[in-house]
Amino acid sequence: MSVIAGPAAAALASLCPDNVTFLRSLPKAELHAHLNGCIPIKTILELAQQCSSSSEHTAEVAETIEKLGSGVDFNEISDFFFLMSTIYALTTTPEAVATVTRAVLQSFLNPTGDGAESPQCTYLELRTTPRATTHMTRERYLTIVLDEIETYPATQAALIVSVDRRMSDLDVAECVSLAIEMKNRGRRVVGIDVCGDPRKGDMRSFTQHLSRAKGAGLGLTVHIAEHQENTTEDSLALLSCRPDRLGHATFLSDELKALRYKPCIEICLSSNLLGGSVASLDAHHVHYYLKNDHPIVICTDDTLPFRTSCLGEYSLLLAQPPLGIGLSRDDVARIARMSMDAAFLRPRDRTRFQSRL
């Protein structure tokens, strides 16, 4: 079972057993989960123990492990990116990548082990940025991740390839080309994501690559307006590619919110609250999208630092204020159905997927 704390834990604890059972039973898709941000703490500790004592990363790794074990406070979203650099240091080998991918998939798709027979979610789109290290190429990295994902049926798990805002034009082009090539080989790559430090990069240089991915039949999701410093020009560049889904969209202007088309908004409640981009649930932008009947999907983002789970995030919808938003069961079930509709499933897999529900 995922260890949860903070707002999600408080919301879950406030629910009666019948409501918890209701949330567990809902078919739901997790569409915004970063591989390296969802590694179970047990797996991180095991990898840290295997880290050579002579490694230049040892002191940094040890400090981060201690922080993760005791809980991490985030005052700014930039704090999270600093934390992740140490986690990357533990996952530089093919063996480590396979280990963490397997552990993350099991945490979402296997029974939770807390007395409930149902897993966290019905379907998972795991996302990760291809990384080249001294031990592997980007292609090798993706192959390892896909080998683990494809141990599950296509109606349960798929991969979104992320490109980082800090990447060079050549690196973005390589990652997009790898995603297209693997999709064409029949590997289970279903989409492209734009992620990374929201204050970095010129998104105008990304658009040709993102449009190429869409033209190849890949779904497109972009982290957008995630930070107050993100400009309208930045958002417009990303929107020019007509993404299918928008990640966070926390500071999207009112003008841009009123889009002529309605890309699904990936809402990460705990991430926004603990990352400091939203002051409270009452002030959360999810209310705007609910009021305007705009499709949304509830996601965990990074379960490790934000100490949450799918159940925890859905508890924040159902729990009464101030611990939650106070939606009805019908509304929560409708949001869960939206998540299934927004998945980047291949047509043949979607037919099989729908037959399971």
Protein backbone atom coordinates (compact mmCIF):
# COMPACT_ATOMS: atom_id res chain seq x y z
CA MET A 1 0.00 0.00 0.00
CA SER A 2 1.19 3.56 -0.74
CA VAL A 3 2.08 5.46 2.42
CA ILE A 4 0.12 8.70 2.35
CA ALA A 5 0.30 11.79 4.53
CA GLY A 6 -0.71 15.44 4.48
CA PRO A 7 -3.94 16.65 2.82
CA ALA A 8 -4.72 13.33 1.14
CA ALA A 9 -4.37 11.37 4.37
CA ALA A 10 -6.55 13.83 6.28
CA ALA A 11 -9.25 13.66 3.61
CA LEU A 12 -9.18 9.86 3.54
CA ALA A 13 -9.35 9.60 7.34
CA SER A 14 -12.48 11.76 7.36
CA LEU A 15 -14.44 9.40 5.11
CA CYS A 16 -16.73 6.68 6.40
CA PRO A 17 -15.84 3.08 5.44
CA ASP A 18 -18.66 2.97 2.90
CA ASN A 19 -17.27 5.98 1.05
CA VAL A 20 -13.76 4.50 1.06
CA THR A 21 -15.14 1.30 -0.44
CA PHE A 22 -16.96 3.37 -3.06
CA LEU A 23 -13.74 5.17 -4.07
CA ARG A 24 -11.76 1.95 -4.23
CA SER A 25 -14.36 0.34 -6.48
CA LEU A 26 -14.38 3.14 -9.07
CA PRO A 27 -12.66 2.23 -12.35
CA LYS A 28 -10.14 5.03 -12.77
CA ALA A 29 -7.15 5.90 -14.93
CA GLU A 30 -3.92 7.43 -13.64
CA LEU A 31 -2.72 9.60 -16.52
CA HIS A 32 -0.13 11.89 -14.90
CA ALA A 33 2.43 9.87 -12.96
CA HIS A 34 6.17 10.41 -13.33
CA LEU A 35 8.25 7.26 -13.05
CA ASN A 36 11.05 8.73 -10.95
CA GLY A 37 8.62 10.61 -8.73
CA CYS A 38 6.60 7.50 -7.86
CA ILE A 39 9.29 5.09 -6.73
CA PRO A 40 8.27 3.44 -3.44
CA ILE A 41 10.48 4.51 -0.54
CA LYS A 42 11.34 0.84 0.12
CA THR A 43 12.82 0.56 -3.37
CA ILE A 44 14.76 3.83 -2.96
CA LEU A 45 16.28 2.55 0.28
CA GLU A 46 17.27 -0.72 -1.37
CA LEU A 47 18.96 1.12 -4.23
CA ALA A 48 20.75 3.42 -1.81
CA GLN A 49 22.17 0.43 0.03
CA GLN A 50 23.56 -0.87 -3.26
CA CYS A 51 25.21 2.47 -4.04
CA SER A 52 28.99 2.23 -3.83
CA SER A 53 30.53 3.90 -0.81
CA SER A 54 33.08 5.47 -3.13
CA SER A 55 30.41 7.12 -5.27
CA GLU A 56 30.57 10.88 -5.55
CA HIS A 57 26.82 10.93 -5.00
CA THR A 58 26.88 9.09 -1.67
CA ALA A 59 26.65 12.11 0.67
CA GLU A 60 23.89 13.70 -1.41
CA VAL A 61 22.01 10.40 -1.69
CA ALA A 62 22.23 9.80 2.05
CA GLU A 63 20.88 13.28 2.81
CA THR A 64 17.98 12.87 0.41
CA ILE A 65 17.09 9.42 1.75
CA GLU A 66 16.94 10.88 5.22
CA LYS A 67 14.62 13.64 4.00
CA LEU A 68 12.37 11.18 2.18
CA GLY A 69 12.14 8.96 5.22
CA SER A 70 11.08 11.78 7.52
CA GLY A 71 8.90 13.70 5.10
CA VAL A 72 9.84 16.57 2.84
CA ASP A 73 8.60 20.14 3.07
CA PHE A 74 8.16 22.00 -0.22
CA ASN A 75 8.08 25.79 -0.12
CA GLU A 76 8.64 26.28 -3.83
CA ILE A 77 8.16 24.02 -6.83
CA SER A 78 11.91 24.34 -7.46
CA ASP A 79 12.53 22.37 -4.23
CA PHE A 80 11.13 19.30 -5.93
CA PHE A 81 13.50 19.51 -8.90
CA PHE A 82 16.47 19.67 -6.53
CA LEU A 83 15.23 16.53 -4.79
CA MET A 84 14.86 14.63 -8.04
CA SER A 85 18.51 15.09 -9.03
CA THR A 86 19.52 12.72 -6.24
CA ILE A 87 16.92 10.13 -7.22
CA TYR A 88 18.34 10.21 -10.76
CA ALA A 89 21.75 9.38 -9.30
CA LEU A 90 20.36 6.07 -8.03
CA THR A 91 18.87 5.04 -11.37
CA THR A 92 21.75 5.25 -13.84
CA THR A 93 22.04 1.53 -14.66
CA PRO A 94 19.73 -0.73 -16.70
CA GLU A 95 19.20 -2.92 -13.65
CA ALA A 96 18.14 0.01 -11.48
CA VAL A 97 15.75 1.34 -14.15
CA ALA A 98 14.13 -2.09 -14.47
CA THR A 99 13.83 -2.36 -10.67
CA VAL A 100 12.17 1.02 -10.17
CA THR A 101 9.85 0.62 -13.16
CA ARG A 102 8.67 -2.75 -11.90
CA ALA A 103 8.13 -1.37 -8.39
CA VAL A 104 6.13 1.63 -9.64
CA LEU A 105 3.93 -0.51 -11.88
CA GLN A 106 3.24 -2.88 -9.00
CA SER A 107 2.38 0.01 -6.68
CA PHE A 108 -0.31 1.24 -9.07
CA LEU A 109 -1.59 -1.93 -10.75
CA ASN A 110 -1.25 -4.74 -8.21
CA PRO A 111 -3.64 -5.17 -5.26
CA THR A 112 -2.69 -2.69 -2.56
CA GLY A 113 -2.08 -5.29 0.15
CA ASP A 114 -4.05 -3.39 2.78
CA GLY A 115 -7.05 -5.69 2.75
CA ALA A 116 -8.45 -4.30 -0.48
CA GLU A 117 -8.54 -6.51 -3.54
CA SER A 118 -8.53 -3.63 -6.01
CA PRO A 119 -5.35 -1.90 -7.23
CA GLN A 120 -4.85 1.86 -7.06
CA CYS A 121 -6.07 2.33 -10.62
CA THR A 122 -7.56 0.38 -13.51
CA TYR A 123 -5.21 1.81 -16.12
CA LEU A 124 -1.86 3.63 -15.90
CA GLU A 125 -0.01 5.85 -18.34
CA LEU A 126 3.44 6.11 -16.84
CA ARG A 127 5.64 8.91 -18.12
CA THR A 128 9.42 9.30 -18.12
CA THR A 129 12.16 11.23 -19.88
CA PRO A 130 14.62 9.02 -21.82
CA ARG A 131 18.00 9.32 -20.13
CA ALA A 132 21.43 8.58 -21.54
CA THR A 133 23.99 7.59 -18.90
CA THR A 134 27.43 5.98 -18.97
CA HIS A 135 25.58 2.65 -18.75
CA MET A 136 22.89 3.06 -21.43
CA THR A 137 21.57 5.08 -24.35
CA ARG A 138 18.19 6.77 -24.42
CA GLU A 139 16.89 3.99 -26.65
CA ARG A 140 18.10 1.35 -24.21
CA TYR A 141 16.45 3.24 -21.34
CA LEU A 142 13.08 3.28 -23.11
CA THR A 143 13.40 -0.38 -24.06
CA ILE A 144 13.94 -1.34 -20.43
CA VAL A 145 10.93 0.68 -19.25
CA LEU A 146 8.74 -0.75 -22.00
CA ASP A 147 9.84 -4.31 -21.26
CA GLU A 148 8.43 -3.88 -17.75
CA ILE A 149 5.27 -2.05 -18.84
CA GLU A 150 4.49 -4.73 -21.40
CA THR A 151 4.36 -7.43 -18.73
CA TYR A 152 0.88 -5.96 -18.12
CA PRO A 153 -1.95 -6.04 -20.69
CA ALA A 154 -2.34 -3.07 -23.03
CA THR A 155 -5.61 -2.31 -21.24
CA GLN A 156 -3.67 -1.74 -18.01
CA ALA A 157 -0.42 0.08 -18.78
CA ALA A 158 1.27 2.22 -21.42
CA LEU A 159 4.14 4.70 -21.72
CA ILE A 160 4.26 8.43 -22.35
CA VAL A 161 7.69 9.69 -23.43
CA SER A 162 8.54 13.00 -21.78
CA VAL A 163 10.75 15.74 -23.18
CA ASP A 164 12.28 18.19 -20.71
CA ARG A 165 11.97 21.96 -21.18
CA ARG A 166 15.72 22.25 -20.56
CA MET A 167 16.61 19.98 -23.48
CA SER A 168 18.40 21.17 -26.59
CA ASP A 169 16.64 21.07 -29.93
CA LEU A 170 18.66 17.99 -30.91
CA ASP A 171 17.76 16.16 -27.72
CA VAL A 172 14.04 16.89 -28.12
CA ALA A 173 14.20 15.71 -31.73
CA GLU A 174 15.93 12.47 -30.65
CA CYS A 175 13.37 11.71 -27.94
CA VAL A 176 10.41 12.37 -30.24
CA SER A 177 11.98 10.24 -32.99
CA LEU A 178 12.53 7.38 -30.53
CA ALA A 179 8.92 7.58 -29.38
CA ILE A 180 7.64 7.47 -32.97
CA GLU A 181 10.00 4.64 -33.96
CA MET A 182 9.00 2.53 -30.98
CA LYS A 183 5.31 3.15 -31.58
CA ASN A 184 5.77 2.08 -35.20
CA ARG A 185 7.52 -1.10 -34.04
CA GLY A 186 4.46 -1.98 -32.02
CA ARG A 187 5.90 -1.02 -28.66
CA ARG A 188 3.44 0.47 -26.21
CA VAL A 189 4.29 4.16 -26.53
CA VAL A 190 1.06 6.16 -26.62
CA GLY A 191 2.03 9.79 -26.10
CA ILE A 192 4.51 12.64 -25.69
CA ASP A 193 4.73 14.92 -22.65
CA VAL A 194 6.50 18.24 -22.07
CA CYS A 195 7.77 18.51 -18.51
CA GLY A 196 10.64 19.88 -16.42
CA ASP A 197 11.35 23.14 -14.64
CA PRO A 198 8.50 25.40 -15.82
CA ARG A 199 10.77 28.46 -15.71
CA LYS A 200 13.18 27.05 -18.29
CA GLY A 201 13.21 26.76 -22.07
CA ASP A 202 11.65 28.47 -25.08
CA MET A 203 8.58 26.46 -26.04
CA ARG A 204 8.45 27.98 -29.51
CA SER A 205 11.41 25.78 -30.43
CA PHE A 206 9.51 22.65 -29.30
CA THR A 207 6.44 23.09 -31.46
CA GLN A 208 7.78 21.51 -34.65
CA HIS A 209 8.74 18.37 -32.73
CA LEU A 210 5.43 18.18 -30.86
CA SER A 211 3.49 18.61 -34.08
CA ARG A 212 5.55 15.81 -35.63
CA ALA A 213 4.62 13.52 -32.72
CA LYS A 214 0.93 14.31 -33.11
CA GLY A 215 1.17 13.74 -36.84
CA ALA A 216 2.58 10.28 -36.12
CA GLY A 217 -0.50 9.38 -34.09
CA LEU A 218 0.86 9.97 -30.59
CA GLY A 219 -1.22 11.68 -27.93
CA LEU A 220 0.14 14.99 -26.63
CA THR A 221 0.06 16.28 -23.08
CA VAL A 222 1.98 19.33 -21.86
CA HIS A 223 2.77 20.78 -18.47
CA ILE A 224 1.47 24.32 -18.92
CA ALA A 225 1.18 27.52 -16.84
CA GLU A 226 2.62 25.60 -13.91
CA HIS A 227 4.44 28.60 -12.42
CA GLN A 228 3.51 32.26 -11.96
CA GLU A 229 6.49 33.22 -14.11
CA ASN A 230 5.11 31.34 -17.14
CA THR A 231 4.09 33.87 -19.77
CA THR A 232 1.09 33.96 -22.07
CA GLU A 233 3.53 33.52 -24.96
CA ASP A 234 4.83 30.32 -23.39
CA SER A 235 1.31 28.94 -23.05
CA LEU A 236 0.32 30.00 -26.56
CA ALA A 237 3.33 28.20 -28.04
CA LEU A 238 2.29 24.97 -26.34
CA LEU A 239 -1.38 25.42 -27.21
CA SER A 240 -0.53 25.99 -30.87
CA CYS A 241 0.11 22.24 -31.11
CA ARG A 242 -3.42 21.55 -29.84
CA PRO A 243 -2.43 19.19 -27.02
CA ASP A 244 -4.99 16.55 -26.04
CA ARG A 245 -4.37 17.11 -22.33
CA LEU A 246 -2.92 19.91 -20.19
CA GLY A 247 -0.88 19.21 -17.07
CA HIS A 248 -1.69 21.40 -14.05
CA ALA A 249 -2.69 24.60 -15.97
CA THR A 250 -2.54 26.31 -12.58
CA PHE A 251 -1.87 29.83 -13.79
CA LEU A 252 -3.54 29.66 -17.18
CA SER A 253 -5.13 33.03 -17.89
CA ASP A 254 -8.91 33.39 -18.00
CA GLU A 255 -8.64 34.16 -21.70
CA LEU A 256 -6.74 30.95 -22.41
CA LYS A 257 -9.00 28.89 -20.17
CA ALA A 258 -11.88 29.71 -22.50
CA LEU A 259 -10.40 27.62 -25.32
CA ARG A 260 -12.48 26.79 -28.34
CA TYR A 261 -11.64 23.15 -27.78
CA LYS A 262 -11.54 21.43 -24.41
CA PRO A 263 -8.33 19.51 -23.72
CA CYS A 264 -8.62 17.44 -20.57
CA ILE A 265 -6.92 19.09 -17.56
CA GLU A 266 -4.69 16.81 -15.48
CA ILE A 267 -5.41 17.93 -11.90
CA CYS A 268 -2.89 17.03 -9.18
CA LEU A 269 -4.39 18.31 -5.92
CA SER A 270 -1.76 17.25 -3.37
CA SER A 271 1.07 18.27 -5.68
CA ASN A 272 -0.39 21.76 -6.06
CA LEU A 273 -1.06 22.17 -2.35
CA LEU A 274 2.28 20.86 -1.12
CA GLY A 275 4.23 22.46 -3.95
CA GLY A 276 2.79 25.83 -2.97
CA SER A 277 1.28 26.69 -6.35
CA VAL A 278 -2.21 26.69 -4.79
CA ALA A 279 -2.94 28.09 -1.34
CA SER A 280 -5.92 25.89 -0.49
CA LEU A 281 -8.48 23.52 -1.93
CA ASP A 282 -11.02 26.33 -1.82
CA ALA A 283 -8.73 28.41 -4.08
CA HIS A 284 -7.88 25.54 -6.42
CA HIS A 285 -8.48 26.01 -10.14
CA VAL A 286 -10.33 22.69 -10.27
CA HIS A 287 -13.44 24.63 -9.24
CA TYR A 288 -13.33 26.66 -12.47
CA TYR A 289 -13.18 23.54 -14.63
CA LEU A 290 -15.94 21.79 -12.69
CA LYS A 291 -18.17 24.87 -12.91
CA ASN A 292 -17.61 25.15 -16.66
CA ASP A 293 -18.13 21.46 -17.38
CA HIS A 294 -14.57 21.10 -18.67
CA PRO A 295 -13.09 17.57 -18.73
CA ILE A 296 -10.59 16.85 -15.97
CA VAL A 297 -8.67 13.86 -14.68
CA ILE A 298 -7.45 13.45 -11.10
CA CYS A 299 -3.80 12.38 -10.88
CA THR A 300 -1.08 11.80 -8.31
CA ASP A 301 1.85 13.45 -10.18
CA ASP A 302 4.63 12.20 -7.86
CA THR A 303 3.53 9.85 -5.10
CA LEU A 304 6.93 9.70 -3.40
CA PRO A 305 7.48 13.33 -2.32
CA PHE A 306 3.81 14.27 -2.12
CA ARG A 307 2.91 11.17 -0.06
CA THR A 308 -0.30 10.45 -1.91
CA SER A 309 -2.11 7.77 -3.90
CA CYS A 310 -5.04 7.54 -6.31
CA LEU A 311 -7.31 6.79 -3.36
CA GLY A 312 -5.93 9.80 -1.50
CA GLU A 313 -6.50 12.16 -4.43
CA TYR A 314 -10.06 10.96 -4.95
CA SER A 315 -10.65 11.34 -1.21
CA LEU A 316 -9.87 15.04 -1.63
CA LEU A 317 -12.80 15.24 -4.05
CA LEU A 318 -15.31 13.45 -1.84
CA ALA A 319 -14.34 14.66 1.67
CA GLN A 320 -16.27 17.60 3.06
CA PRO A 321 -14.62 21.05 3.32
CA PRO A 322 -12.18 22.12 4.57
CA LEU A 323 -10.52 18.69 4.21
CA GLY A 324 -11.93 18.13 0.73
CA ILE A 325 -13.97 19.70 -2.03
CA GLY A 326 -17.21 18.02 -0.97
CA LEU A 327 -18.39 16.63 -4.30
CA SER A 328 -21.21 14.10 -4.48
CA ARG A 329 -20.59 10.45 -5.30
CA ASP A 330 -22.19 10.98 -8.70
CA ASP A 331 -19.80 13.83 -9.49
CA VAL A 332 -16.78 11.83 -8.36
CA ALA A 333 -17.89 8.87 -10.48
CA ARG A 334 -18.31 11.19 -13.46
CA ILE A 335 -14.75 12.49 -12.99
CA ALA A 336 -13.46 8.92 -12.83
CA ARG A 337 -15.21 8.18 -16.14
CA MET A 338 -13.55 11.28 -17.64
CA SER A 339 -10.17 9.79 -16.80
CA MET A 340 -10.99 6.66 -18.76
CA ASP A 341 -12.19 8.70 -21.74
CA ALA A 342 -9.01 10.84 -21.77
CA ALA A 343 -6.57 7.91 -21.91
CA PHE A 344 -4.27 7.66 -24.94
CA LEU A 345 -5.35 4.09 -25.66
CA ARG A 346 -4.87 2.71 -29.16
CA PRO A 347 -8.29 2.12 -30.81
CA ARG A 348 -8.08 -1.69 -30.60
CA ASP A 349 -6.98 -1.49 -26.97
CA ARG A 350 -9.76 0.97 -26.11
CA THR A 351 -12.36 -1.50 -27.37
CA ARG A 352 -10.92 -4.24 -25.15
CA PHE A 353 -10.56 -1.77 -22.29
CA GLN A 354 -14.20 -0.71 -22.44
CA SER A 355 -15.31 -4.35 -22.50
CA ARG A 356 -13.59 -4.86 -19.12
CA LEU A 357 -15.56 -2.11 -17.39
